[in-house]
């Protein structure tokens, strides 16, 4: 009986190891994810880049959701959750989700968030670096694939491009 219990414990330990688990099929490239502030148009333009990790599930659609929280919530003009369907991202293009890395280039997308009032650049930067903007990649049924807090604040254009000082 003791041998059976020992074998079961060993199986549980090795079966639950982190190395044995599934990798995320789509990951967020945090070094390419940021929020652009366009002072001339008083908008924030969060941008996120994604990378494919599992070829066998790569063509299944997913949602990219931006969630506004904290002090940023009352100054954003629209709703606080914005979702982009991967099927819409790739419509009209020759690529599909399987062309994301490691096989192809990363897929970058974003939204434009008009602000309801003028806010000092420093205050906006504080809100972003404190984590008031989250991005997540989810299955269509709502299961989270990958998520991240966007904490990089840059000055740029409403299309998400960065303006070099």
N, C-alpha and C. Protein backbone atom coordinates (compact mmCIF):
# COMPACT_ATOMS: atom_id res chain seq x y z
N UNK A 1 0.82 -1.20 0.00
CA UNK A 1 0.00 0.00 0.00
C UNK A 1 0.87 1.27 0.00
N UNK A 2 1.97 1.25 0.80
CA UNK A 2 2.85 2.41 0.84
C UNK A 2 3.50 2.65 -0.51
N UNK A 3 3.81 1.59 -1.23
CA UNK A 3 4.43 1.74 -2.54
C UNK A 3 3.47 2.41 -3.53
N UNK A 4 2.21 2.04 -3.45
CA UNK A 4 1.22 2.63 -4.35
C UNK A 4 1.08 4.12 -4.07
N UNK A 5 1.03 4.50 -2.80
CA UNK A 5 0.91 5.91 -2.42
C UNK A 5 2.16 6.68 -2.89
N UNK A 6 3.34 6.09 -2.70
CA UNK A 6 4.58 6.75 -3.14
C UNK A 6 4.58 6.95 -4.65
N UNK A 7 4.16 5.95 -5.40
CA UNK A 7 4.11 6.06 -6.85
C UNK A 7 3.13 7.15 -7.27
N UNK A 8 1.97 7.20 -6.63
CA UNK A 8 0.98 8.23 -6.94
C UNK A 8 1.52 9.63 -6.65
N UNK A 9 2.21 9.80 -5.54
CA UNK A 9 2.78 11.10 -5.20
C UNK A 9 3.83 11.51 -6.22
N UNK A 10 4.67 10.59 -6.63
CA UNK A 10 5.70 10.88 -7.63
C UNK A 10 5.05 11.26 -8.96
N UNK A 11 4.01 10.52 -9.35
CA UNK A 11 3.31 10.85 -10.60
C UNK A 11 2.68 12.23 -10.53
N UNK A 12 2.09 12.56 -9.39
CA UNK A 12 1.50 13.89 -9.23
C UNK A 12 2.54 14.99 -9.30
N UNK A 13 3.68 14.77 -8.66
CA UNK A 13 4.74 15.77 -8.68
C UNK A 13 5.26 16.02 -10.09
N UNK A 14 5.53 14.95 -10.83
CA UNK A 14 6.04 15.12 -12.18
C UNK A 14 4.95 15.56 -13.15
N UNK A 15 3.73 15.13 -12.93
CA UNK A 15 2.61 15.51 -13.81
C UNK A 15 2.25 16.97 -13.67
N UNK A 16 2.52 17.57 -12.52
CA UNK A 16 2.18 18.98 -12.29
C UNK A 16 3.35 19.92 -12.49
N UNK A 17 4.45 19.42 -12.98
CA UNK A 17 5.62 20.29 -13.15
C UNK A 17 5.35 21.32 -14.24
N UNK A 18 5.93 22.51 -14.09
CA UNK A 18 5.73 23.59 -15.04
C UNK A 18 6.27 23.26 -16.42
N UNK A 19 7.29 22.44 -16.52
CA UNK A 19 7.87 22.10 -17.81
C UNK A 19 6.94 21.22 -18.64
N UNK A 20 6.02 20.54 -18.00
CA UNK A 20 5.13 19.63 -18.69
C UNK A 20 3.90 20.34 -19.22
N UNK A 21 3.62 21.53 -18.76
CA UNK A 21 2.41 22.24 -19.15
C UNK A 21 2.46 22.75 -20.57
N UNK A 22 1.29 23.10 -21.09
CA UNK A 22 1.20 23.65 -22.44
C UNK A 22 1.72 25.08 -22.47
N UNK A 23 2.37 25.43 -23.56
CA UNK A 23 2.79 26.81 -23.77
C UNK A 23 1.58 27.61 -24.24
N UNK A 24 1.61 28.91 -23.97
CA UNK A 24 0.57 29.77 -24.51
C UNK A 24 0.66 29.71 -26.03
N UNK A 25 -0.47 29.66 -26.70
CA UNK A 25 -0.40 29.59 -28.16
C UNK A 25 -0.12 30.94 -28.80
N UNK A 26 -0.56 32.03 -28.17
CA UNK A 26 -0.28 33.38 -28.62
C UNK A 26 0.28 34.14 -27.42
N UNK A 27 1.44 34.76 -27.57
CA UNK A 27 2.00 35.53 -26.46
C UNK A 27 2.09 37.01 -26.85
N UNK A 28 2.08 37.84 -25.84
CA UNK A 28 2.21 39.28 -26.01
C UNK A 28 3.69 39.63 -25.93
N UNK A 29 4.20 40.32 -26.94
CA UNK A 29 5.59 40.76 -26.94
C UNK A 29 5.67 42.06 -26.14
N UNK A 30 6.01 41.95 -24.87
CA UNK A 30 5.97 43.12 -23.98
C UNK A 30 6.98 44.20 -24.39
N UNK A 31 8.08 43.83 -25.01
CA UNK A 31 9.06 44.84 -25.42
C UNK A 31 8.59 45.65 -26.64
N UNK A 32 7.51 45.23 -27.29
CA UNK A 32 6.95 45.96 -28.42
C UNK A 32 5.54 46.48 -28.13
N UNK A 33 5.14 46.48 -26.86
CA UNK A 33 3.80 46.90 -26.47
C UNK A 33 3.91 48.18 -25.65
N UNK A 34 3.14 49.19 -26.05
CA UNK A 34 3.22 50.48 -25.38
C UNK A 34 1.96 51.30 -25.62
N UNK A 35 1.86 52.46 -24.95
CA UNK A 35 0.76 53.39 -25.15
C UNK A 35 1.34 54.69 -25.70
N UNK A 36 0.81 55.12 -26.83
CA UNK A 36 1.23 56.37 -27.45
C UNK A 36 0.23 57.46 -27.02
N UNK A 37 0.76 58.63 -26.66
CA UNK A 37 -0.08 59.78 -26.37
C UNK A 37 0.14 60.82 -27.46
N UNK A 38 -0.95 61.23 -28.10
CA UNK A 38 -0.90 62.28 -29.11
C UNK A 38 -1.54 63.52 -28.51
N UNK A 39 -0.69 64.45 -28.10
CA UNK A 39 -1.16 65.66 -27.44
C UNK A 39 -1.99 66.53 -28.38
N UNK A 40 -1.63 66.58 -29.66
CA UNK A 40 -2.34 67.43 -30.61
C UNK A 40 -3.80 67.02 -30.79
N UNK A 41 -4.09 65.71 -30.65
CA UNK A 41 -5.46 65.24 -30.82
C UNK A 41 -6.07 64.75 -29.52
N UNK A 42 -5.32 64.82 -28.42
CA UNK A 42 -5.79 64.40 -27.09
C UNK A 42 -6.33 62.96 -27.09
N UNK A 43 -5.51 62.04 -27.58
CA UNK A 43 -5.88 60.62 -27.62
C UNK A 43 -4.74 59.76 -27.10
N UNK A 44 -5.11 58.60 -26.61
CA UNK A 44 -4.16 57.54 -26.28
C UNK A 44 -4.32 56.45 -27.33
N UNK A 45 -3.22 55.87 -27.74
CA UNK A 45 -3.25 54.81 -28.75
C UNK A 45 -2.44 53.62 -28.26
N UNK A 46 -3.06 52.72 -27.45
CA UNK A 46 -2.33 51.52 -27.03
C UNK A 46 -2.05 50.60 -28.21
N UNK A 47 -0.86 50.02 -28.21
CA UNK A 47 -0.42 49.13 -29.29
C UNK A 47 0.14 47.86 -28.66
N UNK A 48 -0.24 46.71 -29.20
CA UNK A 48 0.24 45.43 -28.70
C UNK A 48 0.70 44.59 -29.89
N UNK A 49 1.81 43.86 -29.69
CA UNK A 49 2.32 42.95 -30.72
C UNK A 49 2.23 41.52 -30.18
N UNK A 50 1.85 40.61 -31.07
CA UNK A 50 1.61 39.21 -30.69
C UNK A 50 2.53 38.28 -31.45
N UNK A 51 2.80 37.14 -30.83
CA UNK A 51 3.66 36.13 -31.43
C UNK A 51 2.98 34.77 -31.30
N UNK A 52 3.04 33.97 -32.35
CA UNK A 52 2.46 32.64 -32.37
C UNK A 52 3.41 31.65 -31.71
N UNK A 53 2.87 30.78 -30.86
CA UNK A 53 3.71 29.80 -30.17
C UNK A 53 3.39 28.35 -30.53
N UNK A 54 2.16 28.07 -30.99
CA UNK A 54 1.77 26.69 -31.28
C UNK A 54 1.14 26.61 -32.65
N UNK A 55 1.82 25.98 -33.57
CA UNK A 55 1.34 25.91 -34.94
C UNK A 55 0.03 25.15 -35.08
N UNK A 56 -0.17 24.09 -34.28
CA UNK A 56 -1.36 23.27 -34.46
C UNK A 56 -2.66 23.99 -34.08
N UNK A 57 -2.60 25.04 -33.27
CA UNK A 57 -3.80 25.79 -32.90
C UNK A 57 -3.77 27.20 -33.47
N UNK A 58 -2.85 27.48 -34.34
CA UNK A 58 -2.61 28.85 -34.74
C UNK A 58 -3.76 29.48 -35.52
N UNK A 59 -4.54 28.70 -36.24
CA UNK A 59 -5.59 29.28 -37.05
C UNK A 59 -6.90 29.49 -36.29
N UNK A 60 -6.97 29.08 -35.04
CA UNK A 60 -8.17 29.31 -34.27
C UNK A 60 -8.27 30.78 -33.89
N UNK A 61 -9.44 31.40 -34.08
CA UNK A 61 -9.57 32.83 -33.79
C UNK A 61 -9.43 33.14 -32.30
N UNK A 62 -9.11 34.38 -32.01
CA UNK A 62 -8.95 34.84 -30.63
C UNK A 62 -9.34 36.31 -30.57
N UNK A 63 -9.47 36.84 -29.35
CA UNK A 63 -9.79 38.25 -29.13
C UNK A 63 -8.63 38.94 -28.44
N UNK A 64 -8.36 40.17 -28.85
CA UNK A 64 -7.40 41.02 -28.16
C UNK A 64 -8.24 42.08 -27.45
N UNK A 65 -8.17 42.11 -26.11
CA UNK A 65 -9.02 43.02 -25.34
C UNK A 65 -8.17 44.01 -24.56
N UNK A 66 -8.50 45.28 -24.70
CA UNK A 66 -7.88 46.36 -23.94
C UNK A 66 -8.86 46.76 -22.85
N UNK A 67 -8.39 46.82 -21.61
CA UNK A 67 -9.24 47.19 -20.48
C UNK A 67 -8.66 48.41 -19.77
N UNK A 68 -9.48 49.44 -19.66
CA UNK A 68 -9.09 50.68 -19.00
C UNK A 68 -9.60 50.61 -17.56
N UNK A 69 -8.70 50.90 -16.59
CA UNK A 69 -9.07 50.83 -15.18
C UNK A 69 -8.56 52.07 -14.45
N UNK A 70 -8.79 52.11 -13.15
CA UNK A 70 -8.21 53.14 -12.28
C UNK A 70 -8.54 54.56 -12.69
N UNK A 71 -7.56 55.45 -12.53
CA UNK A 71 -7.73 56.87 -12.80
C UNK A 71 -7.93 57.19 -14.27
N UNK A 72 -7.56 56.27 -15.14
CA UNK A 72 -7.71 56.48 -16.58
C UNK A 72 -9.17 56.30 -17.02
N UNK A 73 -9.91 55.49 -16.28
CA UNK A 73 -11.29 55.14 -16.64
C UNK A 73 -12.21 56.35 -16.83
N UNK A 74 -12.23 57.33 -15.91
CA UNK A 74 -13.17 58.45 -16.09
C UNK A 74 -12.79 59.44 -17.20
N UNK A 75 -11.58 59.38 -17.71
CA UNK A 75 -11.21 60.36 -18.74
C UNK A 75 -11.19 59.78 -20.15
N UNK A 76 -11.50 58.48 -20.29
CA UNK A 76 -11.59 57.87 -21.62
C UNK A 76 -13.02 58.03 -22.11
N UNK A 77 -13.17 58.47 -23.35
CA UNK A 77 -14.47 58.83 -23.90
C UNK A 77 -15.43 57.66 -24.05
N UNK A 78 -14.94 56.48 -24.39
CA UNK A 78 -15.79 55.35 -24.71
C UNK A 78 -15.92 54.40 -23.53
N UNK A 79 -16.35 53.17 -23.85
CA UNK A 79 -16.43 52.11 -22.85
C UNK A 79 -15.04 51.82 -22.28
N UNK A 80 -15.00 50.97 -21.27
CA UNK A 80 -13.71 50.66 -20.65
C UNK A 80 -13.09 49.36 -21.16
N UNK A 81 -13.83 48.56 -21.90
CA UNK A 81 -13.30 47.34 -22.51
C UNK A 81 -13.47 47.41 -24.02
N UNK A 82 -12.39 47.14 -24.76
CA UNK A 82 -12.41 47.19 -26.21
C UNK A 82 -11.82 45.89 -26.72
N UNK A 83 -12.56 45.15 -27.54
CA UNK A 83 -12.07 43.89 -28.06
C UNK A 83 -11.92 43.95 -29.57
N UNK A 84 -10.86 43.30 -30.05
CA UNK A 84 -10.59 43.19 -31.48
C UNK A 84 -10.54 41.70 -31.80
N UNK A 85 -11.32 41.26 -32.77
CA UNK A 85 -11.37 39.86 -33.19
C UNK A 85 -10.23 39.61 -34.18
N UNK A 86 -9.49 38.53 -33.99
CA UNK A 86 -8.36 38.22 -34.88
C UNK A 86 -8.80 38.03 -36.32
N UNK A 87 -10.03 37.58 -36.54
CA UNK A 87 -10.53 37.40 -37.91
C UNK A 87 -10.65 38.76 -38.61
N UNK A 88 -10.98 39.81 -37.84
CA UNK A 88 -11.07 41.16 -38.41
C UNK A 88 -9.67 41.72 -38.70
N UNK A 89 -8.71 41.37 -37.86
CA UNK A 89 -7.34 41.85 -38.06
C UNK A 89 -6.75 41.37 -39.37
N UNK A 90 -7.08 40.16 -39.73
CA UNK A 90 -6.45 39.55 -40.90
C UNK A 90 -7.33 39.58 -42.14
N UNK A 91 -8.57 40.09 -42.03
CA UNK A 91 -9.43 40.14 -43.22
C UNK A 91 -8.84 41.13 -44.23
N UNK A 92 -8.86 40.74 -45.47
CA UNK A 92 -8.30 41.59 -46.50
C UNK A 92 -6.79 41.44 -46.69
N UNK A 93 -6.15 40.63 -45.83
CA UNK A 93 -4.71 40.40 -46.00
C UNK A 93 -4.49 38.96 -46.46
N UNK A 94 -3.33 38.72 -47.01
CA UNK A 94 -3.03 37.38 -47.49
C UNK A 94 -2.56 36.46 -46.38
N UNK A 95 -2.17 37.02 -45.24
CA UNK A 95 -1.65 36.22 -44.14
C UNK A 95 -2.75 35.62 -43.29
N UNK A 96 -2.38 34.70 -42.46
CA UNK A 96 -3.29 34.19 -41.45
C UNK A 96 -2.52 34.10 -40.14
N UNK A 97 -3.19 33.63 -39.12
CA UNK A 97 -2.58 33.60 -37.79
C UNK A 97 -1.35 32.71 -37.76
N UNK A 98 -1.33 31.67 -38.60
CA UNK A 98 -0.18 30.76 -38.61
C UNK A 98 1.08 31.44 -39.13
N UNK A 99 0.93 32.61 -39.77
CA UNK A 99 2.12 33.30 -40.26
C UNK A 99 2.78 34.15 -39.19
N UNK A 100 2.20 34.19 -38.00
CA UNK A 100 2.84 34.90 -36.89
C UNK A 100 4.11 34.16 -36.50
N UNK A 101 5.03 34.82 -35.80
CA UNK A 101 6.24 34.13 -35.36
C UNK A 101 5.89 32.89 -34.55
N UNK A 102 6.69 31.86 -34.58
CA UNK A 102 8.05 31.84 -35.09
C UNK A 102 8.17 31.69 -36.60
N UNK A 103 7.07 31.49 -37.33
CA UNK A 103 7.14 31.30 -38.77
C UNK A 103 7.19 32.61 -39.55
N UNK A 104 6.59 33.67 -39.04
CA UNK A 104 6.53 34.92 -39.79
C UNK A 104 6.79 36.11 -38.89
N UNK A 105 6.26 37.27 -39.27
CA UNK A 105 6.45 38.49 -38.49
C UNK A 105 5.39 38.58 -37.40
N UNK A 106 5.66 39.40 -36.39
CA UNK A 106 4.68 39.58 -35.33
C UNK A 106 3.50 40.39 -35.85
N UNK A 107 2.36 40.21 -35.23
CA UNK A 107 1.15 40.92 -35.58
C UNK A 107 0.95 42.01 -34.54
N UNK A 108 0.90 43.27 -34.98
CA UNK A 108 0.70 44.39 -34.07
C UNK A 108 -0.65 45.02 -34.35
N UNK A 109 -1.36 45.36 -33.29
CA UNK A 109 -2.66 45.99 -33.42
C UNK A 109 -2.87 46.96 -32.27
N UNK A 110 -3.89 47.76 -32.37
CA UNK A 110 -4.17 48.70 -31.31
C UNK A 110 -5.49 49.41 -31.53
N UNK A 111 -5.78 50.35 -30.67
CA UNK A 111 -7.01 51.13 -30.75
C UNK A 111 -6.66 52.59 -30.45
N UNK A 112 -7.62 53.47 -30.71
CA UNK A 112 -7.44 54.87 -30.37
C UNK A 112 -8.50 55.23 -29.33
N UNK A 113 -8.05 55.78 -28.21
CA UNK A 113 -8.93 56.14 -27.12
C UNK A 113 -8.99 57.66 -26.97
N UNK A 114 -10.06 58.29 -27.46
CA UNK A 114 -10.20 59.73 -27.26
C UNK A 114 -10.39 60.04 -25.77
N UNK A 115 -9.77 61.10 -25.31
CA UNK A 115 -9.89 61.51 -23.91
C UNK A 115 -10.96 62.59 -23.79
N UNK A 116 -11.72 62.58 -22.70
CA UNK A 116 -12.83 63.51 -22.53
C UNK A 116 -12.38 64.88 -22.06
N UNK A 117 -11.19 64.96 -21.48
CA UNK A 117 -10.69 66.26 -21.03
C UNK A 117 -9.18 66.29 -21.17
N UNK A 118 -8.66 67.50 -21.15
CA UNK A 118 -7.21 67.67 -21.22
C UNK A 118 -6.59 67.22 -19.89
N UNK A 119 -5.55 66.42 -19.98
CA UNK A 119 -4.84 65.95 -18.80
C UNK A 119 -3.36 66.15 -19.06
N UNK A 120 -2.65 66.60 -18.04
CA UNK A 120 -1.21 66.83 -18.18
C UNK A 120 -0.52 65.52 -18.57
N UNK A 121 0.47 65.65 -19.44
CA UNK A 121 1.23 64.49 -19.92
C UNK A 121 1.80 63.68 -18.75
N UNK A 122 2.30 64.37 -17.73
CA UNK A 122 2.88 63.69 -16.57
C UNK A 122 1.84 62.85 -15.84
N UNK A 123 0.62 63.37 -15.71
CA UNK A 123 -0.45 62.62 -15.03
C UNK A 123 -0.82 61.37 -15.84
N UNK A 124 -0.92 61.54 -17.16
CA UNK A 124 -1.22 60.38 -18.01
C UNK A 124 -0.12 59.33 -17.90
N UNK A 125 1.11 59.77 -17.92
CA UNK A 125 2.23 58.84 -17.81
C UNK A 125 2.17 58.09 -16.48
N UNK A 126 1.83 58.78 -15.39
CA UNK A 126 1.70 58.13 -14.09
C UNK A 126 0.60 57.07 -14.12
N UNK A 127 -0.53 57.39 -14.74
CA UNK A 127 -1.64 56.42 -14.81
C UNK A 127 -1.22 55.17 -15.57
N UNK A 128 -0.52 55.37 -16.67
CA UNK A 128 -0.08 54.22 -17.48
C UNK A 128 0.95 53.40 -16.72
N UNK A 129 1.96 54.03 -16.14
CA UNK A 129 3.01 53.28 -15.45
C UNK A 129 2.49 52.62 -14.17
N UNK A 130 1.37 53.08 -13.65
CA UNK A 130 0.76 52.44 -12.48
C UNK A 130 -0.10 51.24 -12.88
N UNK A 131 -0.32 51.05 -14.17
CA UNK A 131 -1.03 49.86 -14.62
C UNK A 131 -2.51 50.06 -14.87
N UNK A 132 -2.91 51.24 -15.34
CA UNK A 132 -4.32 51.50 -15.60
C UNK A 132 -4.79 51.03 -16.97
N UNK A 133 -3.94 50.35 -17.71
CA UNK A 133 -4.32 49.82 -19.01
C UNK A 133 -3.81 48.40 -19.15
N UNK A 134 -4.73 47.47 -19.32
CA UNK A 134 -4.39 46.05 -19.42
C UNK A 134 -4.74 45.56 -20.82
N UNK A 135 -4.00 44.57 -21.29
CA UNK A 135 -4.32 43.93 -22.56
C UNK A 135 -4.31 42.42 -22.32
N UNK A 136 -5.28 41.74 -22.92
CA UNK A 136 -5.31 40.29 -22.81
C UNK A 136 -5.70 39.67 -24.14
N UNK A 137 -5.21 38.48 -24.36
CA UNK A 137 -5.56 37.69 -25.53
C UNK A 137 -6.38 36.53 -25.00
N UNK A 138 -7.61 36.38 -25.52
CA UNK A 138 -8.50 35.34 -25.01
C UNK A 138 -9.06 34.50 -26.14
N UNK A 139 -9.46 33.28 -25.78
CA UNK A 139 -10.21 32.45 -26.71
C UNK A 139 -11.58 33.09 -26.88
N UNK A 140 -12.32 32.70 -27.90
CA UNK A 140 -13.64 33.27 -28.11
C UNK A 140 -14.59 32.95 -26.96
N UNK A 141 -14.33 31.85 -26.23
CA UNK A 141 -15.17 31.50 -25.09
C UNK A 141 -14.79 32.25 -23.81
N UNK A 142 -13.78 33.12 -23.87
CA UNK A 142 -13.38 33.93 -22.73
C UNK A 142 -12.17 33.42 -21.97
N UNK A 143 -11.68 32.22 -22.27
CA UNK A 143 -10.50 31.69 -21.58
C UNK A 143 -9.28 32.52 -21.95
N UNK A 144 -8.53 32.97 -20.94
CA UNK A 144 -7.38 33.83 -21.17
C UNK A 144 -6.20 33.01 -21.69
N UNK A 145 -5.64 33.46 -22.81
CA UNK A 145 -4.45 32.83 -23.39
C UNK A 145 -3.21 33.52 -22.83
N UNK A 146 -3.21 34.85 -22.85
CA UNK A 146 -2.08 35.63 -22.40
C UNK A 146 -2.59 37.00 -21.97
N UNK A 147 -1.94 37.61 -20.98
CA UNK A 147 -2.34 38.95 -20.56
C UNK A 147 -1.13 39.72 -20.06
N UNK A 148 -1.26 41.04 -20.08
CA UNK A 148 -0.16 41.91 -19.68
C UNK A 148 -0.70 43.27 -19.30
N UNK A 149 0.04 43.98 -18.48
CA UNK A 149 -0.28 45.37 -18.15
C UNK A 149 0.65 46.23 -18.99
N UNK A 150 0.07 47.19 -19.72
CA UNK A 150 0.89 48.07 -20.55
C UNK A 150 1.40 49.20 -19.67
N UNK A 151 2.71 49.30 -19.52
CA UNK A 151 3.31 50.30 -18.64
C UNK A 151 4.29 51.23 -19.34
N UNK A 152 4.44 51.09 -20.65
CA UNK A 152 5.36 51.94 -21.39
C UNK A 152 4.56 53.07 -22.03
N UNK A 153 4.94 54.31 -21.74
CA UNK A 153 4.25 55.50 -22.21
C UNK A 153 5.19 56.27 -23.14
N UNK A 154 4.73 56.55 -24.37
CA UNK A 154 5.56 57.29 -25.33
C UNK A 154 4.72 58.38 -26.00
N UNK A 155 5.37 59.34 -26.59
CA UNK A 155 4.72 60.41 -27.34
C UNK A 155 4.72 60.02 -28.81
N UNK A 156 3.58 60.22 -29.49
CA UNK A 156 3.52 59.85 -30.88
C UNK A 156 2.28 60.34 -31.58
N UNK A 157 1.86 59.57 -32.57
CA UNK A 157 0.73 59.89 -33.42
C UNK A 157 -0.45 58.98 -33.08
N UNK A 158 -1.69 59.39 -33.44
CA UNK A 158 -2.87 58.57 -33.14
C UNK A 158 -2.86 57.19 -33.79
N UNK A 159 -2.04 57.00 -34.83
CA UNK A 159 -1.96 55.67 -35.45
C UNK A 159 -1.05 54.71 -34.70
N UNK A 160 -0.47 55.16 -33.59
CA UNK A 160 0.40 54.32 -32.77
C UNK A 160 1.87 54.47 -33.06
N UNK A 161 2.23 55.28 -34.04
CA UNK A 161 3.65 55.46 -34.36
C UNK A 161 4.29 56.42 -33.36
N UNK A 162 5.55 56.18 -33.07
CA UNK A 162 6.31 56.96 -32.08
C UNK A 162 6.98 58.14 -32.75
N UNK A 163 6.94 59.30 -32.10
CA UNK A 163 7.63 60.48 -32.60
C UNK A 163 8.97 60.57 -31.86
N UNK A 164 10.05 60.60 -32.62
CA UNK A 164 11.38 60.69 -32.03
C UNK A 164 11.63 62.14 -31.61
N UNK A 165 12.16 62.37 -30.38
CA UNK A 165 12.40 63.74 -29.93
C UNK A 165 13.54 64.40 -30.68
